[in-house]
Structures are given as C-alpha cells and as structure tokens.
C-alpha atoms as a PDB file:
ATOM      1  CA  MET A   1       4.610   5.161  13.277  1.00  0.00           C
ATOM      2  CA  THR A   2       4.058   7.085  10.081  1.00  0.00           C
ATOM      3  CA  ILE A   3       4.899   5.968   6.564  1.00  0.00           C
ATOM      4  CA  GLN A   4       4.436   7.535   3.150  1.00  0.00           C
ATOM      5  CA  LEU A   5       2.047   5.826   0.708  1.00  0.00           C
ATOM      6  CA  LEU A   6       2.350   6.134  -3.054  1.00  0.00           C
ATOM      7  CA  PHE A   7      -0.570   5.117  -5.260  1.00  0.00           C
ATOM      8  CA  PHE A   8      -0.203   4.095  -8.902  1.00  0.00           C
ATOM      9  CA  GLY A   9      -2.580   3.387 -11.780  1.00  0.00           C
ATOM     10  CA  ILE A  10      -6.231   2.842 -10.904  1.00  0.00           C
ATOM     11  CA  THR A  11      -5.504   3.154  -7.179  1.00  0.00           C
ATOM     12  CA  THR A  12      -4.682   6.854  -7.730  1.00  0.00           C
ATOM     13  CA  ASP A  13      -8.132   7.327  -9.265  1.00  0.00           C
ATOM     14  CA  LEU A  14      -9.874   5.367  -6.515  1.00  0.00           C
ATOM     15  CA  ILE A  15      -8.153   7.281  -3.693  1.00  0.00           C
ATOM     16  CA  GLY A  16      -8.191  10.638  -5.460  1.00  0.00           C
ATOM     17  CA  ASN A  17      -4.529  11.287  -4.715  1.00  0.00           C
ATOM     18  CA  SER A  18      -1.124   9.899  -5.665  1.00  0.00           C
ATOM     19  CA  SER A  19       0.311   9.952  -2.136  1.00  0.00           C
ATOM     20  CA  ALA A  20      -0.702  10.082   1.514  1.00  0.00           C
ATOM     21  CA  ALA A  21       0.723   9.747   5.003  1.00  0.00           C
ATOM     22  CA  PHE A  22      -0.421   6.603   6.808  1.00  0.00           C
ATOM     23  CA  THR A  23      -0.138   5.631  10.466  1.00  0.00           C
ATOM     24  CA  LEU A  24       0.647   2.019  11.396  1.00  0.00           C
ATOM     25  CA  PRO A  25       1.343   0.139  14.629  1.00  0.00           C
ATOM     26  CA  GLU A  26       4.978  -0.699  15.358  1.00  0.00           C
ATOM     27  CA  ALA A  27       6.330  -3.909  13.792  1.00  0.00           C
ATOM     28  CA  CYS A  28       3.529  -3.991  11.209  1.00  0.00           C
ATOM     29  CA  SER A  29       3.837  -6.726   8.582  1.00  0.00           C
ATOM     30  CA  VAL A  30       2.843  -6.195   4.975  1.00  0.00           C
ATOM     31  CA  ALA A  31      -0.045  -8.645   5.521  1.00  0.00           C
ATOM     32  CA  LEU A  32      -1.431  -6.546   8.397  1.00  0.00           C
ATOM     33  CA  PHE A  33      -0.782  -3.362   6.424  1.00  0.00           C
ATOM     34  CA  LYS A  34      -3.033  -4.641   3.620  1.00  0.00           C
ATOM     35  CA  VAL A  35      -5.863  -5.223   6.110  1.00  0.00           C
ATOM     36  CA  LEU A  36      -5.430  -1.736   7.593  1.00  0.00           C
ATOM     37  CA  LEU A  37      -5.210  -0.195   4.122  1.00  0.00           C
ATOM     38  CA  ILE A  38      -8.575  -1.699   3.091  1.00  0.00           C
ATOM     39  CA  GLU A  39     -10.126  -0.509   6.372  1.00  0.00           C
ATOM     40  CA  LYS A  40      -8.991   3.063   5.696  1.00  0.00           C
ATOM     41  CA  TYR A  41      -9.653   2.978   1.939  1.00  0.00           C
ATOM     42  CA  PRO A  42     -12.568   0.563   1.393  1.00  0.00           C
ATOM     43  CA  GLN A  43     -12.732   1.611  -2.255  1.00  0.00           C
ATOM     44  CA  LEU A  44      -9.651  -0.600  -2.769  1.00  0.00           C
ATOM     45  CA  GLN A  45     -11.576  -3.710  -1.611  1.00  0.00           C
ATOM     46  CA  ASN A  46     -12.497  -4.829  -5.139  1.00  0.00           C
ATOM     47  CA  ASN A  47      -8.948  -4.256  -6.357  1.00  0.00           C
ATOM     48  CA  SER A  48      -7.186  -6.200  -3.614  1.00  0.00           C
ATOM     49  CA  SER A  49      -4.773  -8.033  -5.927  1.00  0.00           C
ATOM     50  CA  PHE A  50      -2.353  -5.102  -5.880  1.00  0.00           C
ATOM     51  CA  ALA A  51       1.352  -5.558  -5.182  1.00  0.00           C
ATOM     52  CA  ILE A  52       3.139  -3.796  -2.350  1.00  0.00           C
ATOM     53  CA  ALA A  53       6.619  -2.329  -2.691  1.00  0.00           C
ATOM     54  CA  VAL A  54       8.578  -1.045   0.308  1.00  0.00           C
ATOM     55  CA  ASN A  55      11.350   1.419  -0.479  1.00  0.00           C
ATOM     56  CA  GLU A  56      11.202   0.528  -4.194  1.00  0.00           C
ATOM     57  CA  SER A  57      11.442  -3.260  -3.725  1.00  0.00           C
ATOM     58  CA  TYR A  58       8.521  -5.673  -3.965  1.00  0.00           C
ATOM     59  CA  ALA A  59       7.618  -6.854  -0.472  1.00  0.00           C
ATOM     60  CA  THR A  60       6.583 -10.242   0.885  1.00  0.00           C
ATOM     61  CA  GLU A  61       3.628 -10.680   3.244  1.00  0.00           C
ATOM     62  CA  ASN A  62       5.978 -11.229   6.208  1.00  0.00           C
ATOM     63  CA  GLU A  63       8.166  -8.177   5.635  1.00  0.00           C
ATOM     64  CA  VAL A  64       8.018  -5.661   8.491  1.00  0.00           C
ATOM     65  CA  ILE A  65       7.377  -2.028   7.616  1.00  0.00           C
ATOM     66  CA  LYS A  66       9.469   0.499   9.539  1.00  0.00           C
ATOM     67  CA  GLU A  67       9.043   4.159  10.493  1.00  0.00           C
ATOM     68  CA  GLY A  68       9.677   6.420   7.512  1.00  0.00           C
ATOM     69  CA  ASP A  69       9.351   3.697   4.874  1.00  0.00           C
ATOM     70  CA  VAL A  70       7.827   4.565   1.514  1.00  0.00           C
ATOM     71  CA  VAL A  71       5.181   2.021   0.548  1.00  0.00           C
ATOM     72  CA  ALA A  72       3.843   1.840  -3.005  1.00  0.00           C
ATOM     73  CA  ILE A  73       0.476   0.348  -3.939  1.00  0.00           C
ATOM     74  CA  ILE A  74       0.848  -1.135  -7.424  1.00  0.00           C
ATOM     75  CA  PRO A  75      -2.258  -2.477  -9.182  1.00  0.00           C
ATOM     76  CA  PRO A  76      -2.105  -5.314 -11.712  1.00  0.00           C
ATOM     77  CA  VAL A  77      -1.132  -4.120 -15.170  1.00  0.00           C
ATOM     78  CA  SER A  78      -2.351  -5.648 -18.400  1.00  0.00           C
ATOM     79  CA  GLY A  79      -0.614  -5.133 -21.670  1.00  0.00           C
ATOM     80  CA  GLY A  80      -1.312  -5.674 -25.290  1.00  0.00           C
END
C-alpha cells in the first residue's frame, strides 16, 4: 500500500524534501513503520525521537496505518 509522508523541521533538511510517497505492507503498525522509515532514510537514525501523526492526529505505536493515509514525521521542538 502507498501512503503520503510529510516531513517537518529538521527532518525536512535531513531528507531534502517536505513530502514523499512511501510503500508499506498491509496492516502496518506505527512501530513497524518507524523501523521501515529508518531503513529507507538512515539519516533519521540519530533523530529517532520524532513523533508520528496519522491524518493529523498523533499516533500510538499500535495504530495501524491504512492505504492513502497521510503520515507526518514531527521532530522534537525546543522553545525559549
């Protein structure tokens, strides 16, 4: 299945793009997605504390991603 990825903050710089199509196996959990994401984009390895949002809602590790979902990669944000 294919989903749309959106990258924010430092992840945009690391990937070199703000969005991408991404292919996943059926019934893929967010936990498995994170593993597959690091395999495809190893430059995210050192920034693995990012949050995942599916269709504009923060996702849990057990949530299942479905065909056509929009998945956002949100890095930690520090403020001042």
